[in-house]
Amino acid sequence: METKILTLHSKYLTNLNKKNLIKPSIKYFLLISCFALLAAASAQSQTKVGYIDSKKLIDNMQDAKDAKVRLEGQVNDWQKELTVLQDSLKKYKDDYEKKKLILTDQMKIDMEKNISTIENSIVNFKQQKFGESGEYYQKQTEYMKPVYDKLFKAIEIVAKRDDFDYVFDRSSQIMLLYVNEKYDLTPKVQRVLEGKEQ
């Protein structure tokens, strides 16, 4: 639309100039006025961008601290279970080493099978609890989901209230080479999270 207006004004000015109906100073005035109008229209439609530091916000949220404590408690319980399994394996291996000279071949085979079973149990336990799709990551997601929901809601409130088109996360993978601190929405989002603002 802006380009069309500029084109129409240029054609109009060219036609007027050919007819010498307007003086050069008026022509320049009209041209400058067109550019001023275009610049004003462009300024009003500029995108407003802000950013936050989600790590800082999450570190300050009590819900996140509580979720971390719950997760650490769960991990401690799993570590205790793992220690019991590892201690059991060590005792069984020590017992086997002490007795292997006096054991029959069948007894050796049975004890080696038991050792292998306990070793497999330990590997399976580690995988089940701490593996790629293990309970640790499931619990982390479960405990942190309300925290992230609350954070995103606060960001949305600030962004809509202050007319931001985009809000970036400074602590994410998006690299911001320069940020003007006046567009840092972190304090505003923090106040919304704390219930001090709406």
C-alpha atoms as a PDB file:
ATOM      1  CA  MET A   1       0.000   0.000   0.000  1.00  0.00           C
ATOM      2  CA  GLU A   2       2.800   2.423   0.943  1.00  0.00           C
ATOM      3  CA  THR A   3       4.634   1.641  -2.304  1.00  0.00           C
ATOM      4  CA  LYS A   4       1.468   2.228  -4.318  1.00  0.00           C
ATOM      5  CA  ILE A   5       0.905   5.595  -2.647  1.00  0.00           C
ATOM      6  CA  LEU A   6       4.500   6.598  -3.312  1.00  0.00           C
ATOM      7  CA  THR A   7       4.208   5.501  -6.957  1.00  0.00           C
ATOM      8  CA  LEU A   8       0.963   7.418  -7.440  1.00  0.00           C
ATOM      9  CA  HIS A   9       2.437  10.563  -5.866  1.00  0.00           C
ATOM     10  CA  SER A  10       5.584  10.256  -8.015  1.00  0.00           C
ATOM     11  CA  LYS A  11       3.501   9.886 -11.206  1.00  0.00           C
ATOM     12  CA  TYR A  12       1.302  12.790 -10.170  1.00  0.00           C
ATOM     13  CA  LEU A  13       4.302  15.012  -9.428  1.00  0.00           C
ATOM     14  CA  THR A  14       5.981  14.005 -12.716  1.00  0.00           C
ATOM     15  CA  ASN A  15       2.830  14.849 -14.696  1.00  0.00           C
ATOM     16  CA  LEU A  16       2.443  18.162 -12.888  1.00  0.00           C
ATOM     17  CA  ASN A  17       6.098  19.005 -13.419  1.00  0.00           C
ATOM     18  CA  LYS A  18       5.800  18.277 -17.154  1.00  0.00           C
ATOM     19  CA  LYS A  19       2.962  20.745 -17.339  1.00  0.00           C
ATOM     20  CA  ASN A  20       4.944  23.207 -15.186  1.00  0.00           C
ATOM     21  CA  LEU A  21       1.872  23.704 -13.073  1.00  0.00           C
ATOM     22  CA  ILE A  22       3.796  23.593  -9.800  1.00  0.00           C
ATOM     23  CA  LYS A  23       7.031  25.216  -8.770  1.00  0.00           C
ATOM     24  CA  PRO A  24      10.080  23.112  -7.749  1.00  0.00           C
ATOM     25  CA  SER A  25       9.882  24.195  -4.079  1.00  0.00           C
ATOM     26  CA  ILE A  26       6.294  22.981  -3.801  1.00  0.00           C
ATOM     27  CA  LYS A  27       7.323  19.757  -5.526  1.00  0.00           C
ATOM     28  CA  TYR A  28       9.985  19.125  -2.896  1.00  0.00           C
ATOM     29  CA  PHE A  29       7.572  20.007  -0.126  1.00  0.00           C
ATOM     30  CA  LEU A  30       5.041  17.485  -1.442  1.00  0.00           C
ATOM     31  CA  LEU A  31       7.742  14.844  -1.849  1.00  0.00           C
ATOM     32  CA  ILE A  32       8.995  15.349   1.708  1.00  0.00           C
ATOM     33  CA  SER A  33       5.415  15.263   2.977  1.00  0.00           C
ATOM     34  CA  CYS A  34       4.879  11.898   1.239  1.00  0.00           C
ATOM     35  CA  PHE A  35       7.981  10.468   2.838  1.00  0.00           C
ATOM     36  CA  ALA A  36       6.973  11.835   6.237  1.00  0.00           C
ATOM     37  CA  LEU A  37       3.533  10.234   5.935  1.00  0.00           C
ATOM     38  CA  LEU A  38       5.085   6.926   4.896  1.00  0.00           C
ATOM     39  CA  ALA A  39       7.563   7.062   7.769  1.00  0.00           C
ATOM     40  CA  ALA A  40       4.771   7.805  10.255  1.00  0.00           C
ATOM     41  CA  ALA A  41       2.688   4.916   8.928  1.00  0.00           C
ATOM     42  CA  SER A  42       5.715   2.658   9.050  1.00  0.00           C
ATOM     43  CA  ALA A  43       6.586   3.706  12.617  1.00  0.00           C
ATOM     44  CA  GLN A  44       3.099   2.837  13.802  1.00  0.00           C
ATOM     45  CA  SER A  45       3.312  -0.630  12.326  1.00  0.00           C
ATOM     46  CA  GLN A  46       6.770  -1.467  13.719  1.00  0.00           C
ATOM     47  CA  THR A  47       7.144  -4.723  15.528  1.00  0.00           C
ATOM     48  CA  LYS A  48       7.720  -4.449  19.249  1.00  0.00           C
ATOM     49  CA  VAL A  49      10.119  -7.039  20.623  1.00  0.00           C
ATOM     50  CA  GLY A  50      11.011  -7.785  24.243  1.00  0.00           C
ATOM     51  CA  TYR A  51      12.965 -10.463  26.041  1.00  0.00           C
ATOM     52  CA  ILE A  52      13.053 -12.265  29.363  1.00  0.00           C
ATOM     53  CA  ASP A  53      15.535 -14.412  31.264  1.00  0.00           C
ATOM     54  CA  SER A  54      13.537 -17.552  32.043  1.00  0.00           C
ATOM     55  CA  LYS A  55      16.353 -19.108  34.075  1.00  0.00           C
ATOM     56  CA  LYS A  56      16.408 -16.115  36.408  1.00  0.00           C
ATOM     57  CA  LEU A  57      12.607 -16.120  36.690  1.00  0.00           C
ATOM     58  CA  ILE A  58      12.383 -19.862  37.359  1.00  0.00           C
ATOM     59  CA  ASP A  59      15.208 -19.705  39.914  1.00  0.00           C
ATOM     60  CA  ASN A  60      13.178 -17.099  41.831  1.00  0.00           C
ATOM     61  CA  MET A  61       9.868 -18.995  41.730  1.00  0.00           C
ATOM     62  CA  GLN A  62       8.927 -20.814  44.935  1.00  0.00           C
ATOM     63  CA  ASP A  63       6.959 -23.397  42.917  1.00  0.00           C
ATOM     64  CA  ALA A  64      10.155 -24.237  41.006  1.00  0.00           C
ATOM     65  CA  LYS A  65      12.129 -24.544  44.241  1.00  0.00           C
ATOM     66  CA  ASP A  66       9.459 -26.882  45.646  1.00  0.00           C
ATOM     67  CA  ALA A  67       9.487 -28.977  42.456  1.00  0.00           C
ATOM     68  CA  LYS A  68      13.271 -29.255  42.661  1.00  0.00           C
ATOM     69  CA  VAL A  69      13.089 -30.420  46.287  1.00  0.00           C
ATOM     70  CA  ARG A  70      10.455 -33.043  45.373  1.00  0.00           C
ATOM     71  CA  LEU A  71      12.572 -34.285  42.474  1.00  0.00           C
ATOM     72  CA  GLU A  72      15.716 -34.429  44.602  1.00  0.00           C
ATOM     73  CA  GLY A  73      13.787 -36.443  47.228  1.00  0.00           C
ATOM     74  CA  GLN A  74      12.699 -38.896  44.545  1.00  0.00           C
ATOM     75  CA  VAL A  75      16.280 -39.185  43.236  1.00  0.00           C
ATOM     76  CA  ASN A  76      17.571 -39.805  46.773  1.00  0.00           C
ATOM     77  CA  ASP A  77      15.076 -42.662  47.188  1.00  0.00           C
ATOM     78  CA  TRP A  78      16.207 -44.177  43.888  1.00  0.00           C
ATOM     79  CA  GLN A  79      19.855 -43.789  44.865  1.00  0.00           C
ATOM     80  CA  LYS A  80      19.163 -45.696  48.096  1.00  0.00           C
ATOM     81  CA  GLU A  81      17.511 -48.519  46.137  1.00  0.00           C
ATOM     82  CA  LEU A  82      20.448 -48.591  43.733  1.00  0.00           C
ATOM     83  CA  THR A  83      22.937 -48.692  46.624  1.00  0.00           C
ATOM     84  CA  VAL A  84      21.100 -51.703  48.114  1.00  0.00           C
ATOM     85  CA  LEU A  85      21.318 -53.507  44.766  1.00  0.00           C
ATOM     86  CA  GLN A  86      25.001 -52.633  44.348  1.00  0.00           C
ATOM     87  CA  ASP A  87      25.821 -53.709  47.911  1.00  0.00           C
ATOM     88  CA  SER A  88      23.969 -56.972  47.328  1.00  0.00           C
ATOM     89  CA  LEU A  89      25.982 -57.578  44.159  1.00  0.00           C
ATOM     90  CA  LYS A  90      29.266 -56.834  45.924  1.00  0.00           C
ATOM     91  CA  LYS A  91      28.450 -59.225  48.782  1.00  0.00           C
ATOM     92  CA  TYR A  92      27.412 -61.933  46.368  1.00  0.00           C
ATOM     93  CA  LYS A  93      30.601 -61.530  44.313  1.00  0.00           C
ATOM     94  CA  ASP A  94      32.780 -61.511  47.438  1.00  0.00           C
ATOM     95  CA  ASP A  95      31.023 -64.610  48.703  1.00  0.00           C
ATOM     96  CA  TYR A  96      31.509 -66.305  45.334  1.00  0.00           C
ATOM     97  CA  GLU A  97      35.233 -65.454  45.251  1.00  0.00           C
ATOM     98  CA  LYS A  98      35.728 -66.839  48.764  1.00  0.00           C
ATOM     99  CA  LYS A  99      33.881 -70.092  48.071  1.00  0.00           C
ATOM    100  CA  LYS A 100      34.581 -70.805  44.416  1.00  0.00           C
ATOM    101  CA  LEU A 101      37.398 -73.260  45.147  1.00  0.00           C
ATOM    102  CA  ILE A 102      35.131 -75.468  47.230  1.00  0.00           C
ATOM    103  CA  LEU A 103      31.966 -75.120  45.137  1.00  0.00           C
ATOM    104  CA  THR A 104      30.777 -77.771  42.764  1.00  0.00           C
ATOM    105  CA  ASP A 105      30.505 -76.900  39.082  1.00  0.00           C
ATOM    106  CA  GLN A 106      26.719 -76.683  39.332  1.00  0.00           C
ATOM    107  CA  MET A 107      26.937 -74.369  42.372  1.00  0.00           C
ATOM    108  CA  LYS A 108      29.399 -72.134  40.501  1.00  0.00           C
ATOM    109  CA  ILE A 109      27.046 -71.958  37.532  1.00  0.00           C
ATOM    110  CA  ASP A 110      24.119 -71.092  39.822  1.00  0.00           C
ATOM    111  CA  MET A 111      26.058 -68.360  41.636  1.00  0.00           C
ATOM    112  CA  GLU A 112      27.339 -66.876  38.363  1.00  0.00           C
ATOM    113  CA  LYS A 113      23.751 -66.796  37.066  1.00  0.00           C
ATOM    114  CA  ASN A 114      22.653 -64.996  40.232  1.00  0.00           C
ATOM    115  CA  ILE A 115      25.498 -62.490  39.862  1.00  0.00           C
ATOM    116  CA  SER A 116      24.524 -61.932  36.226  1.00  0.00           C
ATOM    117  CA  THR A 117      20.862 -61.495  37.230  1.00  0.00           C
ATOM    118  CA  ILE A 118      21.768 -58.891  39.870  1.00  0.00           C
ATOM    119  CA  GLU A 119      24.023 -57.047  37.382  1.00  0.00           C
ATOM    120  CA  ASN A 120      21.184 -56.978  34.848  1.00  0.00           C
ATOM    121  CA  SER A 121      18.806 -55.724  37.541  1.00  0.00           C
ATOM    122  CA  ILE A 122      21.177 -52.836  38.284  1.00  0.00           C
ATOM    123  CA  VAL A 123      21.499 -51.917  34.605  1.00  0.00           C
ATOM    124  CA  ASN A 124      17.711 -52.122  34.124  1.00  0.00           C
ATOM    125  CA  PHE A 125      17.089 -50.086  37.266  1.00  0.00           C
ATOM    126  CA  LYS A 126      19.450 -47.324  36.101  1.00  0.00           C
ATOM    127  CA  GLN A 127      17.845 -47.296  32.666  1.00  0.00           C
ATOM    128  CA  GLN A 128      14.314 -47.299  34.083  1.00  0.00           C
ATOM    129  CA  LYS A 129      15.006 -44.461  36.515  1.00  0.00           C
ATOM    130  CA  PHE A 130      17.657 -42.324  34.807  1.00  0.00           C
ATOM    131  CA  GLY A 131      17.595 -43.410  31.147  1.00  0.00           C
ATOM    132  CA  GLU A 132      16.589 -41.274  28.202  1.00  0.00           C
ATOM    133  CA  SER A 133      12.857 -41.734  28.772  1.00  0.00           C
ATOM    134  CA  GLY A 134      13.176 -42.808  32.397  1.00  0.00           C
ATOM    135  CA  GLU A 135      11.159 -41.851  35.416  1.00  0.00           C
ATOM    136  CA  TYR A 136      13.530 -38.993  36.281  1.00  0.00           C
ATOM    137  CA  TYR A 137      12.595 -37.067  33.128  1.00  0.00           C
ATOM    138  CA  GLN A 138       8.929 -37.979  33.491  1.00  0.00           C
ATOM    139  CA  LYS A 139       8.877 -36.717  37.097  1.00  0.00           C
ATOM    140  CA  GLN A 140      10.810 -33.600  36.136  1.00  0.00           C
ATOM    141  CA  THR A 141       8.213 -32.830  33.465  1.00  0.00           C
ATOM    142  CA  GLU A 142       5.350 -33.602  35.836  1.00  0.00           C
ATOM    143  CA  TYR A 143       6.712 -31.398  38.649  1.00  0.00           C
ATOM    144  CA  MET A 144       7.811 -28.502  36.413  1.00  0.00           C
ATOM    145  CA  LYS A 145       4.769 -28.299  34.121  1.00  0.00           C
ATOM    146  CA  PRO A 146       2.763 -26.096  36.541  1.00  0.00           C
ATOM    147  CA  VAL A 147       5.827 -23.859  36.935  1.00  0.00           C
ATOM    148  CA  TYR A 148       6.203 -23.395  33.167  1.00  0.00           C
ATOM    149  CA  ASP A 149       2.460 -22.864  32.756  1.00  0.00           C
ATOM    150  CA  LYS A 150       2.538 -20.123  35.384  1.00  0.00           C
ATOM    151  CA  LEU A 151       5.616 -18.516  33.787  1.00  0.00           C
ATOM    152  CA  PHE A 152       4.096 -18.534  30.288  1.00  0.00           C
ATOM    153  CA  LYS A 153       0.861 -17.037  31.615  1.00  0.00           C
ATOM    154  CA  ALA A 154       2.813 -14.208  33.292  1.00  0.00           C
ATOM    155  CA  ILE A 155       4.788 -13.571  30.085  1.00  0.00           C
ATOM    156  CA  GLU A 156       1.545 -13.477  28.121  1.00  0.00           C
ATOM    157  CA  ILE A 157       0.020 -10.963  30.573  1.00  0.00           C
ATOM    158  CA  VAL A 158       3.009  -8.608  30.308  1.00  0.00           C
ATOM    159  CA  ALA A 159       3.307  -8.995  26.511  1.00  0.00           C
ATOM    160  CA  LYS A 160      -0.378  -8.253  25.900  1.00  0.00           C
ATOM    161  CA  ARG A 161      -0.549  -5.441  28.438  1.00  0.00           C
ATOM    162  CA  ASP A 162       2.539  -3.687  27.029  1.00  0.00           C
ATOM    163  CA  ASP A 163       1.761  -4.487  23.345  1.00  0.00           C
ATOM    164  CA  PHE A 164       4.788  -6.663  22.588  1.00  0.00           C
ATOM    165  CA  ASP A 165       4.637  -8.636  19.352  1.00  0.00           C
ATOM    166  CA  TYR A 166       7.465 -11.026  20.250  1.00  0.00           C
ATOM    167  CA  VAL A 167       9.142 -12.035  23.494  1.00  0.00           C
ATOM    168  CA  PHE A 168      12.421 -13.919  23.341  1.00  0.00           C
ATOM    169  CA  ASP A 169      14.098 -15.923  26.065  1.00  0.00           C
ATOM    170  CA  ARG A 170      17.603 -14.645  26.709  1.00  0.00           C
ATOM    171  CA  SER A 171      18.673 -17.895  28.395  1.00  0.00           C
ATOM    172  CA  SER A 172      17.578 -20.210  25.571  1.00  0.00           C
ATOM    173  CA  GLN A 173      19.363 -21.424  22.445  1.00  0.00           C
ATOM    174  CA  ILE A 174      18.446 -18.244  20.567  1.00  0.00           C
ATOM    175  CA  MET A 175      21.562 -16.125  20.509  1.00  0.00           C
ATOM    176  CA  LEU A 176      20.946 -12.449  21.127  1.00  0.00           C
ATOM    177  CA  LEU A 177      24.039 -10.544  20.092  1.00  0.00           C
ATOM    178  CA  TYR A 178      22.750  -7.275  21.467  1.00  0.00           C
ATOM    179  CA  VAL A 179      19.952  -6.404  23.813  1.00  0.00           C
ATOM    180  CA  ASN A 180      18.763  -3.027  24.919  1.00  0.00           C
ATOM    181  CA  GLU A 181      18.081  -3.435  28.633  1.00  0.00           C
ATOM    182  CA  LYS A 182      15.014  -1.175  28.429  1.00  0.00           C
ATOM    183  CA  TYR A 183      13.200  -4.046  26.650  1.00  0.00           C
ATOM    184  CA  ASP A 184      13.995  -6.555  29.411  1.00  0.00           C
ATOM    185  CA  LEU A 185      10.596  -7.771  30.601  1.00  0.00           C
ATOM    186  CA  THR A 186      12.061 -10.027  33.322  1.00  0.00           C
ATOM    187  CA  PRO A 187      11.292  -7.638  36.238  1.00  0.00           C
ATOM    188  CA  LYS A 188       7.723  -7.067  35.012  1.00  0.00           C
ATOM    189  CA  VAL A 189       7.110 -10.815  34.606  1.00  0.00           C
ATOM    190  CA  GLN A 190       8.649 -11.354  38.079  1.00  0.00           C
ATOM    191  CA  ARG A 191       6.156  -8.889  39.591  1.00  0.00           C
ATOM    192  CA  VAL A 192       3.247 -10.693  37.874  1.00  0.00           C
ATOM    193  CA  LEU A 193       4.536 -14.044  39.161  1.00  0.00           C
ATOM    194  CA  GLU A 194       4.741 -12.631  42.678  1.00  0.00           C
ATOM    195  CA  GLY A 195       1.178 -11.315  42.402  1.00  0.00           C
ATOM    196  CA  LYS A 196       2.263  -7.671  42.693  1.00  0.00           C
ATOM    197  CA  GLU A 197       0.894  -6.765  39.229  1.00  0.00           C
ATOM    198  CA  GLN A 198      -1.833  -7.897  36.895  1.00  0.00           C
END
